[in-house]
Amino acid sequence: NTQNQVSSSSVNVVYEWTMLPLPNKTKRFVKCSIGEKYMLFIIEDNNNKHRLYSIGDNTSFSCGLGEGVPKAKSVSLCKHCENLEFKEIYARNVASAAITTSGKLYLFGINPIEVNECPTLYDFNGDVIVDDVAICNTHMVVLVREKVDGVYRRKVYAGGNNEHAACGKNGKIHEIDFFSNNDEAVPIKIKVGY
């Protein structure tokens, strides 16, 4: 453990740094994403598979540990993900998302589309490969490749609260029409900022 002290004229705070131990039968941390009171990890196991883990406050299901587990005090494997491999993770406030190595999107926590106690596959109803996600409390954007007439085309989908027209439409994830017929206009990376 290492301590750092931060002081100002009215506040004196001591932060303690702790090394997180790897779970049994794992080799290394591959990726980390930090939410409001939790963290998501992709951890490589002894079979070189990239698995989804979490630690922290699960009261909003952000850790993906299911109902009845209010907090993960150690790095824990997310529920229903034991046989899945992941390439990307996204923790934002209490909304969580993860993309498998095969390009499938899993949502959990209190996300803009629904509330999921553990990672749940989002079904795009078609041959879709998810490449990137930007997620926040009220809406999300998903960058995909969708098979149309035998050819994969890049598309942008959005969903969530549309109070300020952030999604183009309200509710479930849908294609953003602006990008529909213009492959050059489709971004290759997306990011939430505020």
N, C-alpha and C. Protein backbone atom coordinates (compact mmCIF):
# COMPACT_ATOMS: atom_id res chain seq x y z
N ASN A 1 0.83 -1.19 0.00
CA ASN A 1 0.00 0.00 0.00
C ASN A 1 0.87 1.25 0.00
N THR A 2 0.44 2.24 -0.76
CA THR A 2 1.13 3.51 -0.83
C THR A 2 0.12 4.60 -0.53
N GLN A 3 0.56 5.64 0.20
CA GLN A 3 -0.35 6.73 0.52
C GLN A 3 0.11 8.01 -0.15
N ASN A 4 -0.84 8.79 -0.65
CA ASN A 4 -0.60 10.13 -1.18
C ASN A 4 -1.51 11.07 -0.42
N GLN A 5 -0.98 12.23 -0.09
CA GLN A 5 -1.78 13.22 0.63
C GLN A 5 -2.02 14.41 -0.27
N VAL A 6 -3.28 14.84 -0.35
CA VAL A 6 -3.67 16.00 -1.13
C VAL A 6 -4.24 17.01 -0.16
N SER A 7 -3.73 18.25 -0.20
CA SER A 7 -4.19 19.28 0.73
C SER A 7 -4.57 20.55 0.00
N SER A 8 -5.54 21.23 0.54
CA SER A 8 -5.87 22.58 0.11
C SER A 8 -6.12 23.37 1.39
N SER A 9 -6.52 24.62 1.26
CA SER A 9 -6.71 25.44 2.46
C SER A 9 -7.81 24.90 3.37
N SER A 10 -8.79 24.17 2.83
CA SER A 10 -9.91 23.70 3.65
C SER A 10 -10.05 22.19 3.72
N VAL A 11 -9.33 21.45 2.89
CA VAL A 11 -9.52 20.01 2.83
C VAL A 11 -8.16 19.30 2.91
N ASN A 12 -8.11 18.26 3.69
CA ASN A 12 -6.92 17.42 3.76
C ASN A 12 -7.36 15.98 3.56
N VAL A 13 -7.04 15.39 2.42
CA VAL A 13 -7.51 14.05 2.05
C VAL A 13 -6.31 13.14 1.87
N VAL A 14 -6.40 11.94 2.40
CA VAL A 14 -5.35 10.95 2.20
C VAL A 14 -5.91 9.85 1.31
N TYR A 15 -5.24 9.59 0.18
CA TYR A 15 -5.63 8.53 -0.73
C TYR A 15 -4.70 7.35 -0.51
N GLU A 16 -5.27 6.18 -0.45
CA GLU A 16 -4.46 4.98 -0.28
C GLU A 16 -4.52 4.15 -1.55
N TRP A 17 -3.37 3.80 -2.06
CA TRP A 17 -3.27 2.99 -3.28
C TRP A 17 -3.03 1.55 -2.87
N THR A 18 -3.78 0.64 -3.48
CA THR A 18 -3.67 -0.78 -3.18
C THR A 18 -3.51 -1.55 -4.48
N MET A 19 -2.60 -2.50 -4.49
CA MET A 19 -2.44 -3.36 -5.67
C MET A 19 -3.55 -4.40 -5.67
N LEU A 20 -4.27 -4.50 -6.78
CA LEU A 20 -5.33 -5.51 -6.90
C LEU A 20 -4.69 -6.85 -7.28
N PRO A 21 -4.95 -7.88 -6.49
CA PRO A 21 -4.41 -9.19 -6.86
C PRO A 21 -5.22 -9.80 -8.02
N LEU A 22 -4.52 -10.53 -8.86
CA LEU A 22 -5.19 -11.26 -9.94
C LEU A 22 -6.00 -12.41 -9.35
N PRO A 23 -7.17 -12.69 -9.93
CA PRO A 23 -7.91 -13.88 -9.49
C PRO A 23 -7.12 -15.16 -9.79
N ASN A 24 -7.46 -16.25 -9.11
CA ASN A 24 -6.82 -17.54 -9.36
C ASN A 24 -6.98 -17.94 -10.82
N LYS A 25 -5.99 -18.65 -11.32
CA LYS A 25 -5.98 -19.20 -12.68
C LYS A 25 -6.03 -18.11 -13.75
N THR A 26 -5.44 -16.95 -13.47
CA THR A 26 -5.33 -15.87 -14.46
C THR A 26 -3.88 -15.40 -14.53
N LYS A 27 -3.54 -14.74 -15.67
CA LYS A 27 -2.16 -14.32 -15.91
C LYS A 27 -1.94 -12.82 -15.74
N ARG A 28 -2.83 -12.02 -16.37
CA ARG A 28 -2.55 -10.58 -16.38
C ARG A 28 -3.80 -9.77 -16.68
N PHE A 29 -3.78 -8.51 -16.22
CA PHE A 29 -4.81 -7.54 -16.58
C PHE A 29 -4.53 -7.09 -18.01
N VAL A 30 -5.57 -7.09 -18.87
CA VAL A 30 -5.42 -6.66 -20.26
C VAL A 30 -5.97 -5.25 -20.45
N LYS A 31 -7.16 -4.98 -19.90
CA LYS A 31 -7.81 -3.67 -20.02
C LYS A 31 -8.56 -3.36 -18.74
N CYS A 32 -8.76 -2.05 -18.50
CA CYS A 32 -9.52 -1.60 -17.35
C CYS A 32 -10.38 -0.41 -17.78
N SER A 33 -11.59 -0.33 -17.25
CA SER A 33 -12.46 0.83 -17.46
C SER A 33 -13.11 1.15 -16.12
N ILE A 34 -13.16 2.43 -15.78
CA ILE A 34 -13.60 2.85 -14.46
C ILE A 34 -14.94 3.56 -14.53
N GLY A 35 -15.90 3.05 -13.74
CA GLY A 35 -17.22 3.67 -13.63
C GLY A 35 -17.32 4.50 -12.36
N GLU A 36 -18.55 4.78 -11.94
CA GLU A 36 -18.76 5.66 -10.79
C GLU A 36 -18.15 5.10 -9.50
N LYS A 37 -18.48 3.86 -9.14
CA LYS A 37 -17.94 3.24 -7.93
C LYS A 37 -17.51 1.81 -8.21
N TYR A 38 -17.05 1.55 -9.40
CA TYR A 38 -16.68 0.20 -9.78
C TYR A 38 -15.67 0.23 -10.92
N MET A 39 -15.07 -0.92 -11.19
CA MET A 39 -14.15 -1.05 -12.32
C MET A 39 -14.46 -2.35 -13.06
N LEU A 40 -14.30 -2.30 -14.37
CA LEU A 40 -14.38 -3.49 -15.21
C LEU A 40 -12.98 -3.82 -15.71
N PHE A 41 -12.73 -5.11 -15.89
CA PHE A 41 -11.43 -5.56 -16.39
C PHE A 41 -11.62 -6.63 -17.45
N ILE A 42 -10.71 -6.65 -18.39
CA ILE A 42 -10.51 -7.84 -19.22
C ILE A 42 -9.22 -8.44 -18.69
N ILE A 43 -9.32 -9.70 -18.26
CA ILE A 43 -8.17 -10.40 -17.67
C ILE A 43 -7.90 -11.66 -18.48
N GLU A 44 -6.63 -11.88 -18.78
CA GLU A 44 -6.23 -13.08 -19.52
C GLU A 44 -6.08 -14.24 -18.55
N ASP A 45 -6.78 -15.34 -18.85
CA ASP A 45 -6.68 -16.51 -17.98
C ASP A 45 -5.52 -17.40 -18.41
N ASN A 46 -5.33 -18.51 -17.70
CA ASN A 46 -4.22 -19.41 -18.00
C ASN A 46 -4.34 -20.11 -19.34
N ASN A 47 -5.51 -20.04 -19.97
CA ASN A 47 -5.72 -20.62 -21.30
C ASN A 47 -5.65 -19.55 -22.40
N ASN A 48 -5.11 -18.37 -22.06
CA ASN A 48 -4.97 -17.23 -22.97
C ASN A 48 -6.31 -16.68 -23.46
N LYS A 49 -7.37 -16.87 -22.70
CA LYS A 49 -8.70 -16.34 -23.03
C LYS A 49 -8.90 -15.03 -22.27
N HIS A 50 -9.51 -14.05 -22.91
CA HIS A 50 -9.75 -12.74 -22.30
C HIS A 50 -11.16 -12.71 -21.71
N ARG A 51 -11.24 -12.76 -20.39
CA ARG A 51 -12.50 -12.87 -19.66
C ARG A 51 -12.88 -11.53 -19.03
N LEU A 52 -14.19 -11.37 -18.72
CA LEU A 52 -14.75 -10.14 -18.16
C LEU A 52 -14.86 -10.25 -16.63
N TYR A 53 -14.21 -9.32 -15.92
CA TYR A 53 -14.20 -9.29 -14.46
C TYR A 53 -14.60 -7.89 -13.98
N SER A 54 -14.94 -7.79 -12.69
CA SER A 54 -15.28 -6.49 -12.11
C SER A 54 -14.97 -6.47 -10.62
N ILE A 55 -14.99 -5.26 -10.07
CA ILE A 55 -14.85 -5.07 -8.62
C ILE A 55 -15.58 -3.78 -8.26
N GLY A 56 -16.18 -3.73 -7.06
CA GLY A 56 -16.78 -2.50 -6.59
C GLY A 56 -18.26 -2.62 -6.29
N ASP A 57 -18.94 -1.46 -6.34
CA ASP A 57 -20.36 -1.34 -6.00
C ASP A 57 -21.23 -1.95 -7.10
N ASN A 58 -22.04 -2.94 -6.74
CA ASN A 58 -22.92 -3.61 -7.70
C ASN A 58 -24.40 -3.31 -7.43
N THR A 59 -24.71 -2.29 -6.61
CA THR A 59 -26.11 -2.01 -6.28
C THR A 59 -26.91 -1.58 -7.51
N SER A 60 -26.25 -1.04 -8.53
CA SER A 60 -26.91 -0.70 -9.80
C SER A 60 -26.63 -1.74 -10.87
N PHE A 61 -26.10 -2.90 -10.46
CA PHE A 61 -25.77 -4.03 -11.35
C PHE A 61 -24.62 -3.70 -12.32
N SER A 62 -23.88 -2.62 -12.06
CA SER A 62 -22.81 -2.19 -12.95
C SER A 62 -21.67 -3.19 -13.05
N CYS A 63 -21.48 -4.00 -12.01
CA CYS A 63 -20.41 -5.00 -12.02
C CYS A 63 -20.81 -6.27 -12.77
N GLY A 64 -22.09 -6.41 -13.07
CA GLY A 64 -22.54 -7.60 -13.80
C GLY A 64 -22.49 -8.87 -12.99
N LEU A 65 -22.73 -8.76 -11.68
CA LEU A 65 -22.65 -9.93 -10.80
C LEU A 65 -24.00 -10.50 -10.42
N GLY A 66 -25.08 -9.90 -10.94
CA GLY A 66 -26.42 -10.39 -10.66
C GLY A 66 -27.01 -9.78 -9.41
N GLU A 67 -28.28 -10.10 -9.18
CA GLU A 67 -29.01 -9.60 -8.01
C GLU A 67 -28.50 -10.30 -6.75
N GLY A 68 -28.53 -9.60 -5.63
CA GLY A 68 -28.13 -10.19 -4.36
C GLY A 68 -26.64 -10.08 -4.07
N VAL A 69 -25.88 -9.44 -4.95
CA VAL A 69 -24.45 -9.21 -4.72
C VAL A 69 -24.25 -7.69 -4.73
N PRO A 70 -24.38 -7.03 -3.56
CA PRO A 70 -24.31 -5.58 -3.55
C PRO A 70 -22.91 -5.02 -3.80
N LYS A 71 -21.88 -5.81 -3.50
CA LYS A 71 -20.52 -5.31 -3.66
C LYS A 71 -19.56 -6.46 -3.91
N ALA A 72 -18.62 -6.24 -4.82
CA ALA A 72 -17.54 -7.19 -5.05
C ALA A 72 -16.29 -6.61 -4.40
N LYS A 73 -15.81 -7.24 -3.32
CA LYS A 73 -14.64 -6.73 -2.60
C LYS A 73 -13.33 -7.23 -3.20
N SER A 74 -13.44 -8.20 -4.08
CA SER A 74 -12.26 -8.69 -4.81
C SER A 74 -12.65 -8.79 -6.29
N VAL A 75 -11.66 -8.86 -7.14
CA VAL A 75 -11.90 -8.94 -8.58
C VAL A 75 -12.65 -10.25 -8.86
N SER A 76 -13.86 -10.12 -9.47
CA SER A 76 -14.76 -11.27 -9.64
C SER A 76 -15.18 -11.43 -11.10
N LEU A 77 -15.32 -12.67 -11.54
CA LEU A 77 -15.78 -12.97 -12.89
C LEU A 77 -17.25 -12.57 -13.02
N CYS A 78 -17.58 -11.84 -14.08
CA CYS A 78 -18.96 -11.42 -14.30
C CYS A 78 -19.85 -12.63 -14.58
N LYS A 79 -21.10 -12.55 -14.13
CA LYS A 79 -22.05 -13.65 -14.24
C LYS A 79 -22.41 -13.92 -15.70
N HIS A 80 -22.56 -15.17 -16.05
CA HIS A 80 -22.96 -15.66 -17.38
C HIS A 80 -21.92 -15.34 -18.47
N CYS A 81 -20.68 -15.07 -18.08
CA CYS A 81 -19.64 -14.73 -19.06
C CYS A 81 -18.48 -15.73 -19.05
N GLU A 82 -18.64 -16.82 -18.33
CA GLU A 82 -17.55 -17.75 -18.12
C GLU A 82 -16.94 -18.28 -19.41
N ASN A 83 -17.75 -18.44 -20.46
CA ASN A 83 -17.26 -19.02 -21.71
C ASN A 83 -17.14 -18.01 -22.84
N LEU A 84 -17.23 -16.72 -22.51
CA LEU A 84 -17.12 -15.66 -23.52
C LEU A 84 -15.75 -15.00 -23.44
N GLU A 85 -15.26 -14.54 -24.60
CA GLU A 85 -14.02 -13.77 -24.65
C GLU A 85 -14.34 -12.35 -25.06
N PHE A 86 -13.67 -11.38 -24.44
CA PHE A 86 -13.96 -9.98 -24.67
C PHE A 86 -12.75 -9.22 -25.21
N LYS A 87 -13.05 -8.18 -26.01
CA LYS A 87 -11.98 -7.34 -26.56
C LYS A 87 -12.09 -5.88 -26.11
N GLU A 88 -13.28 -5.42 -25.71
CA GLU A 88 -13.47 -4.04 -25.27
C GLU A 88 -14.44 -3.98 -24.10
N ILE A 89 -14.23 -3.01 -23.20
CA ILE A 89 -15.12 -2.79 -22.06
C ILE A 89 -15.35 -1.29 -21.90
N TYR A 90 -16.53 -0.95 -21.38
CA TYR A 90 -16.92 0.44 -21.21
C TYR A 90 -17.68 0.58 -19.90
N ALA A 91 -17.14 1.34 -18.96
CA ALA A 91 -17.81 1.64 -17.70
C ALA A 91 -18.04 3.14 -17.67
N ARG A 92 -19.28 3.54 -17.51
CA ARG A 92 -19.61 4.97 -17.49
C ARG A 92 -20.69 5.19 -16.45
N ASN A 93 -20.38 5.91 -15.37
CA ASN A 93 -21.30 6.10 -14.26
C ASN A 93 -21.80 4.75 -13.77
N VAL A 94 -23.07 4.37 -14.02
CA VAL A 94 -23.57 3.05 -13.61
C VAL A 94 -23.97 2.20 -14.82
N ALA A 95 -23.58 2.62 -16.01
CA ALA A 95 -23.87 1.88 -17.24
C ALA A 95 -22.61 1.14 -17.69
N SER A 96 -22.77 -0.12 -18.06
CA SER A 96 -21.63 -0.94 -18.49
C SER A 96 -21.94 -1.60 -19.83
N ALA A 97 -20.90 -1.75 -20.64
CA ALA A 97 -21.01 -2.44 -21.92
C ALA A 97 -19.70 -3.18 -22.18
N ALA A 98 -19.80 -4.27 -22.92
CA ALA A 98 -18.62 -5.04 -23.28
C ALA A 98 -18.84 -5.64 -24.66
N ILE A 99 -17.75 -5.73 -25.43
CA ILE A 99 -17.80 -6.31 -26.78
C ILE A 99 -16.97 -7.57 -26.78
N THR A 100 -17.55 -8.66 -27.28
CA THR A 100 -16.83 -9.93 -27.36
C THR A 100 -15.86 -9.89 -28.54
N THR A 101 -14.95 -10.86 -28.57
CA THR A 101 -14.00 -10.95 -29.68
C THR A 101 -14.70 -11.24 -31.00
N SER A 102 -15.93 -11.77 -30.94
CA SER A 102 -16.69 -12.03 -32.16
C SER A 102 -17.59 -10.84 -32.53
N GLY A 103 -17.50 -9.73 -31.77
CA GLY A 103 -18.24 -8.52 -32.13
C GLY A 103 -19.67 -8.46 -31.62
N LYS A 104 -19.97 -9.15 -30.53
CA LYS A 104 -21.31 -9.10 -29.93
C LYS A 104 -21.30 -8.10 -28.78
N LEU A 105 -22.40 -7.35 -28.62
CA LEU A 105 -22.51 -6.33 -27.58
C LEU A 105 -23.28 -6.87 -26.38
N TYR A 106 -22.69 -6.74 -25.20
CA TYR A 106 -23.33 -7.09 -23.94
C TYR A 106 -23.52 -5.82 -23.12
N LEU A 107 -24.74 -5.62 -22.59
CA LEU A 107 -25.07 -4.46 -21.77
C LEU A 107 -25.43 -4.92 -20.36
N PHE A 108 -25.05 -4.12 -19.36
CA PHE A 108 -25.46 -4.41 -17.99
C PHE A 108 -25.39 -3.14 -17.16
N GLY A 109 -25.98 -3.23 -15.95
CA GLY A 109 -26.13 -2.04 -15.12
C GLY A 109 -27.35 -1.26 -15.55
N ILE A 110 -27.42 -0.01 -15.11
CA ILE A 110 -28.52 0.87 -15.53
C ILE A 110 -28.02 1.63 -16.76
N ASN A 111 -28.30 1.06 -17.92
CA ASN A 111 -27.82 1.65 -19.16
C ASN A 111 -28.96 2.37 -19.87
N PRO A 112 -28.68 3.13 -20.91
CA PRO A 112 -29.72 3.94 -21.57
C PRO A 112 -30.86 3.14 -22.21
N ILE A 113 -30.70 1.86 -22.43
CA ILE A 113 -31.69 1.05 -23.14
C ILE A 113 -32.54 0.24 -22.18
N GLU A 114 -31.93 -0.34 -21.15
CA GLU A 114 -32.64 -1.22 -20.22
C GLU A 114 -31.79 -1.43 -18.97
N VAL A 115 -32.34 -2.09 -17.98
CA VAL A 115 -31.59 -2.43 -16.77
C VAL A 115 -31.30 -3.92 -16.83
N ASN A 116 -30.01 -4.30 -16.72
CA ASN A 116 -29.61 -5.70 -16.76
C ASN A 116 -28.77 -6.02 -15.54
N GLU A 117 -29.17 -7.07 -14.78
CA GLU A 117 -28.45 -7.47 -13.58
C GLU A 117 -27.09 -8.08 -13.89
N CYS A 118 -26.98 -8.71 -15.06
CA CYS A 118 -25.71 -9.29 -15.49
C CYS A 118 -25.57 -9.05 -16.99
N PRO A 119 -24.36 -9.22 -17.52
CA PRO A 119 -24.17 -8.96 -18.95
C PRO A 119 -25.19 -9.71 -19.80
N THR A 120 -25.89 -8.95 -20.65
CA THR A 120 -26.96 -9.48 -21.49
C THR A 120 -26.71 -9.10 -22.94
N LEU A 121 -26.78 -10.09 -23.82
CA LEU A 121 -26.55 -9.86 -25.25
C LEU A 121 -27.61 -8.93 -25.81
N TYR A 122 -27.18 -7.88 -26.52
CA TYR A 122 -28.12 -7.02 -27.22
C TYR A 122 -28.25 -7.56 -28.65
N ASP A 123 -29.47 -7.86 -29.07
CA ASP A 123 -29.73 -8.47 -30.37
C ASP A 123 -30.05 -7.39 -31.40
N PHE A 124 -29.20 -7.25 -32.40
CA PHE A 124 -29.41 -6.28 -33.47
C PHE A 124 -30.29 -6.83 -34.60
N ASN A 125 -30.74 -8.07 -34.49
CA ASN A 125 -31.59 -8.69 -35.53
C ASN A 125 -30.95 -8.67 -36.90
N GLY A 126 -29.81 -9.28 -37.01
CA GLY A 126 -29.13 -9.35 -38.30
C GLY A 126 -27.68 -9.75 -38.10
N ASP A 127 -26.94 -9.78 -39.19
CA ASP A 127 -25.52 -10.11 -39.16
C ASP A 127 -24.74 -8.83 -38.88
N VAL A 128 -24.49 -8.57 -37.59
CA VAL A 128 -23.88 -7.32 -37.16
C VAL A 128 -22.64 -7.62 -36.32
N ILE A 129 -21.56 -6.90 -36.59
CA ILE A 129 -20.34 -6.96 -35.80
C ILE A 129 -20.16 -5.60 -35.14
N VAL A 130 -20.14 -5.57 -33.82
CA VAL A 130 -19.97 -4.31 -33.09
C VAL A 130 -18.48 -4.00 -32.98
N ASP A 131 -18.11 -2.77 -33.38
CA ASP A 131 -16.71 -2.34 -33.32
C ASP A 131 -16.42 -1.40 -32.16
N ASP A 132 -17.38 -0.55 -31.79
CA ASP A 132 -17.12 0.45 -30.77
C ASP A 132 -18.43 0.91 -30.13
N VAL A 133 -18.35 1.41 -28.90
CA VAL A 133 -19.51 1.90 -28.17
C VAL A 133 -19.11 3.17 -27.42
N ALA A 134 -20.01 4.13 -27.39
CA ALA A 134 -19.89 5.29 -26.50
C ALA A 134 -21.16 5.28 -25.66
N ILE A 135 -21.01 5.24 -24.33
CA ILE A 135 -22.17 5.06 -23.46
C ILE A 135 -22.11 6.08 -22.33
N CYS A 136 -23.28 6.60 -21.96
CA CYS A 136 -23.39 7.46 -20.78
C CYS A 136 -24.71 7.14 -20.10
N ASN A 137 -25.14 7.96 -19.15
CA ASN A 137 -26.36 7.66 -18.38
C ASN A 137 -27.61 7.62 -19.24
N THR A 138 -27.73 8.52 -20.21
CA THR A 138 -29.01 8.69 -20.88
C THR A 138 -29.05 8.22 -22.33
N HIS A 139 -27.92 8.05 -22.97
CA HIS A 139 -27.94 7.57 -24.34
C HIS A 139 -26.61 6.89 -24.69
N MET A 140 -26.64 6.20 -25.82
CA MET A 140 -25.44 5.50 -26.27
C MET A 140 -25.39 5.50 -27.78
N VAL A 141 -24.18 5.36 -28.31
CA VAL A 141 -23.95 5.28 -29.75
C VAL A 141 -23.11 4.02 -29.98
N VAL A 142 -23.45 3.27 -31.02
CA VAL A 142 -22.76 2.02 -31.32
C VAL A 142 -22.30 2.05 -32.77
N LEU A 143 -21.03 1.78 -32.99
CA LEU A 143 -20.45 1.70 -34.32
C LEU A 143 -20.37 0.23 -34.72
N VAL A 144 -20.99 -0.13 -35.85
CA VAL A 144 -21.07 -1.54 -36.26
C VAL A 144 -20.68 -1.72 -37.72
N ARG A 145 -20.47 -2.97 -38.08
CA ARG A 145 -20.43 -3.40 -39.48
C ARG A 145 -21.61 -4.35 -39.64
N GLU A 146 -22.51 -4.04 -40.56
CA GLU A 146 -23.71 -4.84 -40.77
C GLU A 146 -23.68 -5.41 -42.18
N LYS A 147 -24.00 -6.71 -42.29
CA LYS A 147 -24.00 -7.37 -43.59
C LYS A 147 -25.27 -6.98 -44.35
N VAL A 148 -25.09 -6.30 -45.50
CA VAL A 148 -26.18 -5.88 -46.35
C VAL A 148 -25.87 -6.39 -47.76
N ASP A 149 -26.76 -7.22 -48.31
CA ASP A 149 -26.55 -7.80 -49.64
C ASP A 149 -25.19 -8.48 -49.76
N GLY A 150 -24.80 -9.22 -48.71
CA GLY A 150 -23.57 -9.99 -48.74
C GLY A 150 -22.30 -9.20 -48.45
N VAL A 151 -22.41 -7.90 -48.19
CA VAL A 151 -21.24 -7.06 -47.95
C VAL A 151 -21.40 -6.35 -46.60
N TYR A 152 -20.32 -6.33 -45.80
CA TYR A 152 -20.37 -5.60 -44.53
C TYR A 152 -20.22 -4.11 -44.79
N ARG A 153 -21.18 -3.33 -44.26
CA ARG A 153 -21.14 -1.86 -44.36
C ARG A 153 -21.10 -1.29 -42.96
N ARG A 154 -20.30 -0.24 -42.80
CA ARG A 154 -20.21 0.43 -41.51
C ARG A 154 -21.47 1.25 -41.28
N LYS A 155 -22.01 1.17 -40.06
CA LYS A 155 -23.22 1.91 -39.70
C LYS A 155 -23.09 2.44 -38.28
N VAL A 156 -23.88 3.45 -37.98
CA VAL A 156 -23.93 4.03 -36.64
C VAL A 156 -25.34 3.87 -36.09
N TYR A 157 -25.43 3.33 -34.88
CA TYR A 157 -26.71 3.17 -34.19
C TYR A 157 -26.69 4.01 -32.92
N ALA A 158 -27.86 4.44 -32.48
CA ALA A 158 -27.98 5.20 -31.23
C ALA A 158 -29.25 4.79 -30.52
N GLY A 159 -29.31 5.06 -29.22
CA GLY A 159 -30.50 4.76 -28.45
C GLY A 159 -30.47 5.43 -27.11
N GLY A 160 -31.64 5.52 -26.49
CA GLY A 160 -31.75 6.10 -25.16
C GLY A 160 -32.68 7.29 -25.12
N ASN A 161 -32.48 8.14 -24.15
CA ASN A 161 -33.30 9.34 -23.96
C ASN A 161 -33.01 10.34 -25.08
N ASN A 162 -34.04 10.85 -25.70
CA ASN A 162 -33.88 11.77 -26.83
C ASN A 162 -34.36 13.18 -26.49
N GLU A 163 -34.38 13.54 -25.23
CA GLU A 163 -34.90 14.84 -24.80
C GLU A 163 -34.24 16.01 -25.54
N HIS A 164 -32.95 15.90 -25.81
CA HIS A 164 -32.23 16.98 -26.51
C HIS A 164 -31.79 16.54 -27.90
N ALA A 165 -32.51 15.60 -28.50
CA ALA A 165 -32.26 15.09 -29.86
C ALA A 165 -30.87 14.47 -30.01
N ALA A 166 -30.34 13.89 -28.93
CA ALA A 166 -29.01 13.28 -28.98
C ALA A 166 -29.00 11.97 -29.75
N CYS A 167 -30.15 11.34 -29.90
CA CYS A 167 -30.21 10.02 -30.52
C CYS A 167 -30.94 9.99 -31.86
N GLY A 168 -31.56 11.06 -32.25
CA GLY A 168 -32.32 11.06 -33.49
C GLY A 168 -33.72 10.52 -33.31
N LYS A 169 -33.92 9.51 -32.48
CA LYS A 169 -35.21 8.92 -32.16
C LYS A 169 -35.18 8.52 -30.70
N ASN A 170 -36.30 8.12 -30.15
CA ASN A 170 -36.35 7.75 -28.75
C ASN A 170 -36.40 6.23 -28.57
N GLY A 171 -35.84 5.75 -27.48
CA GLY A 171 -36.01 4.36 -27.10
C GLY A 171 -34.91 3.42 -27.53
N LYS A 172 -35.29 2.31 -28.14
CA LYS A 172 -34.36 1.23 -28.49
C LYS A 172 -33.28 1.71 -29.48
N ILE A 173 -32.24 0.91 -29.59
CA ILE A 173 -31.15 1.25 -30.50
C ILE A 173 -31.64 1.18 -31.93
N HIS A 174 -31.30 2.19 -32.73
CA HIS A 174 -31.75 2.28 -34.13
C HIS A 174 -30.62 2.89 -34.96
N GLU A 175 -30.69 2.69 -36.26
CA GLU A 175 -29.68 3.25 -37.16
C GLU A 175 -29.86 4.76 -37.28
N ILE A 176 -28.75 5.48 -37.29
CA ILE A 176 -28.77 6.93 -37.52
C ILE A 176 -28.84 7.15 -39.03
N ASP A 177 -29.94 7.71 -39.49
CA ASP A 177 -30.21 7.86 -40.92
C ASP A 177 -29.17 8.69 -41.66
N PHE A 178 -28.57 9.67 -40.99
CA PHE A 178 -27.59 10.56 -41.62
C PHE A 178 -26.47 9.79 -42.31
N PHE A 179 -26.07 8.65 -41.73
CA PHE A 179 -24.95 7.87 -42.24
C PHE A 179 -25.37 6.75 -43.20
N SER A 180 -26.66 6.57 -43.42
CA SER A 180 -27.17 5.40 -44.14
C SER A 180 -26.58 5.19 -45.51
N ASN A 181 -26.45 6.21 -46.31
CA ASN A 181 -25.98 6.05 -47.69
C ASN A 181 -24.64 6.71 -47.95
N ASN A 182 -23.84 6.88 -46.90
CA ASN A 182 -22.57 7.57 -47.07
C ASN A 182 -21.49 6.87 -46.24
N ASP A 183 -20.87 5.83 -46.81
CA ASP A 183 -19.86 5.06 -46.08
C ASP A 183 -18.68 5.92 -45.63
N GLU A 184 -18.31 6.93 -46.42
CA GLU A 184 -17.17 7.77 -46.04
C GLU A 184 -17.47 8.62 -44.82
N ALA A 185 -18.73 8.91 -44.54
CA ALA A 185 -19.10 9.75 -43.41
C ALA A 185 -19.14 8.99 -42.10
N VAL A 186 -19.16 7.67 -42.14
CA VAL A 186 -19.26 6.87 -40.93
C VAL A 186 -17.93 6.94 -40.16
N PRO A 187 -17.98 7.34 -38.89
CA PRO A 187 -16.73 7.42 -38.11
C PRO A 187 -16.12 6.05 -37.89
N ILE A 188 -14.82 6.02 -37.61
CA ILE A 188 -14.16 4.76 -37.31
C ILE A 188 -13.96 4.56 -35.81
N LYS A 189 -14.17 5.64 -35.02
CA LYS A 189 -14.07 5.59 -33.57
C LYS A 189 -15.08 6.59 -33.00
N ILE A 190 -15.67 6.26 -31.86
CA ILE A 190 -16.62 7.15 -31.21
C ILE A 190 -16.25 7.31 -29.76
N LYS A 191 -16.66 8.42 -29.14
CA LYS A 191 -16.30 8.69 -27.76
C LYS A 191 -17.36 9.56 -27.12
N VAL A 192 -17.66 9.29 -25.84
CA VAL A 192 -18.55 10.14 -25.06
C VAL A 192 -17.70 11.18 -24.37
N GLY A 193 -18.15 12.40 -24.35
CA GLY A 193 -17.42 13.44 -23.65
C GLY A 193 -18.35 14.36 -22.92
N TYR A 194 -17.89 14.84 -21.79
CA TYR A 194 -18.56 15.92 -21.08
C TYR A 194 -17.67 16.48 -20.04
